[in-house]
C-alpha atoms as a PDB file:
ATOM      1  CA  MET A   1     -97.012 -23.536 -60.350  1.00  0.00           C
ATOM      2  CA  LYS A   2     -98.562 -26.918 -61.126  1.00  0.00           C
ATOM      3  CA  GLN A   3     -95.117 -28.487 -61.124  1.00  0.00           C
ATOM      4  CA  ARG A   4     -94.410 -27.160 -57.628  1.00  0.00           C
ATOM      5  CA  LEU A   5     -97.720 -28.467 -56.324  1.00  0.00           C
ATOM      6  CA  LEU A   6     -97.064 -31.845 -57.918  1.00  0.00           C
ATOM      7  CA  MET A   7     -93.571 -31.955 -56.388  1.00  0.00           C
ATOM      8  CA  LEU A   8     -94.953 -30.987 -52.970  1.00  0.00           C
ATOM      9  CA  ALA A   9     -97.576 -33.735 -53.181  1.00  0.00           C
ATOM     10  CA  PHE A  10     -94.939 -36.265 -54.234  1.00  0.00           C
ATOM     11  CA  VAL A  11     -92.619 -35.320 -51.372  1.00  0.00           C
ATOM     12  CA  SER A  12     -95.516 -35.481 -48.911  1.00  0.00           C
ATOM     13  CA  LEU A  13     -96.382 -38.985 -50.088  1.00  0.00           C
ATOM     14  CA  LEU A  14     -92.779 -40.111 -49.733  1.00  0.00           C
ATOM     15  CA  TRP A  15     -92.535 -38.543 -46.297  1.00  0.00           C
ATOM     16  CA  ALA A  16     -95.583 -40.445 -45.046  1.00  0.00           C
ATOM     17  CA  ALA A  17     -94.707 -43.788 -46.640  1.00  0.00           C
ATOM     18  CA  PRO A  18     -93.576 -46.436 -44.165  1.00  0.00           C
ATOM     19  CA  ALA A  19     -89.960 -47.461 -44.385  1.00  0.00           C
ATOM     20  CA  LEU A  20     -89.501 -50.971 -45.728  1.00  0.00           C
ATOM     21  CA  GLY A  21     -86.574 -51.628 -43.412  1.00  0.00           C
ATOM     22  CA  GLN A  22     -88.790 -51.400 -40.343  1.00  0.00           C
ATOM     23  CA  GLY A  23     -90.454 -54.699 -41.222  1.00  0.00           C
ATOM     24  CA  CYS A  24     -87.367 -56.779 -40.377  1.00  0.00           C
ATOM     25  CA  ALA A  25     -88.195 -58.513 -37.085  1.00  0.00           C
ATOM     26  CA  MET A  26     -84.594 -59.480 -36.388  1.00  0.00           C
ATOM     27  CA  CYS A  27     -83.302 -55.935 -36.888  1.00  0.00           C
ATOM     28  CA  TYR A  28     -86.106 -54.448 -34.798  1.00  0.00           C
ATOM     29  CA  SER A  29     -85.644 -56.867 -31.898  1.00  0.00           C
ATOM     30  CA  ASN A  30     -81.873 -56.435 -31.976  1.00  0.00           C
ATOM     31  CA  ALA A  31     -82.162 -52.639 -31.866  1.00  0.00           C
ATOM     32  CA  ALA A  32     -84.882 -52.721 -29.209  1.00  0.00           C
ATOM     33  CA  GLY A  33     -82.778 -55.008 -26.996  1.00  0.00           C
ATOM     34  CA  THR A  34     -79.813 -52.638 -26.818  1.00  0.00           C
ATOM     35  CA  THR A  35     -79.251 -50.001 -24.173  1.00  0.00           C
ATOM     36  CA  LYS A  36     -80.226 -46.356 -24.650  1.00  0.00           C
ATOM     37  CA  ASP A  37     -76.631 -45.558 -25.596  1.00  0.00           C
ATOM     38  CA  GLY A  38     -76.690 -48.363 -28.161  1.00  0.00           C
ATOM     39  CA  GLN A  39     -79.950 -47.096 -29.627  1.00  0.00           C
ATOM     40  CA  ARG A  40     -78.492 -43.602 -29.834  1.00  0.00           C
ATOM     41  CA  ALA A  41     -75.419 -45.002 -31.602  1.00  0.00           C
ATOM     42  CA  ILE A  42     -77.621 -46.856 -34.098  1.00  0.00           C
ATOM     43  CA  SER A  43     -79.570 -43.652 -34.800  1.00  0.00           C
ATOM     44  CA  ARG A  44     -76.364 -41.683 -35.330  1.00  0.00           C
ATOM     45  CA  GLY A  45     -74.988 -44.408 -37.575  1.00  0.00           C
ATOM     46  CA  ILE A  46     -78.100 -44.272 -39.727  1.00  0.00           C
ATOM     47  CA  LEU A  47     -77.729 -40.499 -40.073  1.00  0.00           C
ATOM     48  CA  VAL A  48     -74.045 -40.818 -40.955  1.00  0.00           C
ATOM     49  CA  LEU A  49     -74.873 -43.358 -43.652  1.00  0.00           C
ATOM     50  CA  LEU A  50     -77.742 -41.220 -44.958  1.00  0.00           C
ATOM     51  CA  ILE A  51     -75.912 -37.900 -45.319  1.00  0.00           C
ATOM     52  CA  PRO A  52     -73.625 -38.701 -48.321  1.00  0.00           C
ATOM     53  CA  PRO A  53     -76.338 -40.061 -50.674  1.00  0.00           C
ATOM     54  CA  VAL A  54     -78.706 -37.210 -49.814  1.00  0.00           C
ATOM     55  CA  GLY A  55     -75.875 -34.718 -50.362  1.00  0.00           C
ATOM     56  CA  PHE A  56     -74.945 -36.204 -53.733  1.00  0.00           C
ATOM     57  CA  MET A  57     -78.575 -36.234 -54.857  1.00  0.00           C
ATOM     58  CA  THR A  58     -79.060 -32.632 -53.737  1.00  0.00           C
ATOM     59  CA  ILE A  59     -75.972 -31.533 -55.647  1.00  0.00           C
ATOM     60  CA  GLY A  60     -77.041 -33.515 -58.730  1.00  0.00           C
ATOM     61  CA  VAL A  61     -80.555 -32.056 -58.755  1.00  0.00           C
ATOM     62  CA  GLY A  62     -79.155 -28.561 -58.198  1.00  0.00           C
ATOM     63  CA  LEU A  63     -76.706 -28.917 -61.090  1.00  0.00           C
ATOM     64  CA  ALA A  64     -79.403 -30.340 -63.378  1.00  0.00           C
ATOM     65  CA  TYR A  65     -81.714 -27.438 -62.499  1.00  0.00           C
ATOM     66  CA  ARG A  66     -78.938 -24.923 -63.148  1.00  0.00           C
ATOM     67  CA  TYR A  67     -78.076 -26.567 -66.461  1.00  0.00           C
ATOM     68  CA  GLY A  68     -81.723 -26.580 -67.553  1.00  0.00           C
ATOM     69  CA  LYS A  69     -82.167 -22.936 -66.640  1.00  0.00           C
ATOM     70  CA  LYS A  70     -78.967 -21.987 -68.475  1.00  0.00           C
ATOM     71  CA  ARG A  71     -80.020 -23.977 -71.547  1.00  0.00           C
ATOM     72  CA  ASP A  72     -83.433 -22.315 -71.582  1.00  0.00           C
ATOM     73  CA  THR A  73     -81.937 -18.816 -71.414  1.00  0.00           C
ATOM     74  CA  GLU A  74     -79.501 -19.636 -74.252  1.00  0.00           C
ATOM     75  CA  GLN A  75     -82.378 -20.850 -76.466  1.00  0.00           C
ATOM     76  CA  VAL A  76     -84.341 -17.615 -75.900  1.00  0.00           C
ATOM     77  CA  ASP A  77     -81.420 -15.372 -76.867  1.00  0.00           C
END
């Protein structure tokens, strides 16, 4: 239970942390100067670039969890 609370607190801190990429004045002004369609395209491009790493990390964490659970059950038997 403590591990879940710790993980929830960690995720909450990461969720609230400001993104470092938002500090780039040139990127911000370039994105702000585009049309609404351009801004929408930039947002979609960011999502497209974000999906594969998040997917790989999710699969990796899931496999590590499954392996750990399997290893623990084998040690008990």
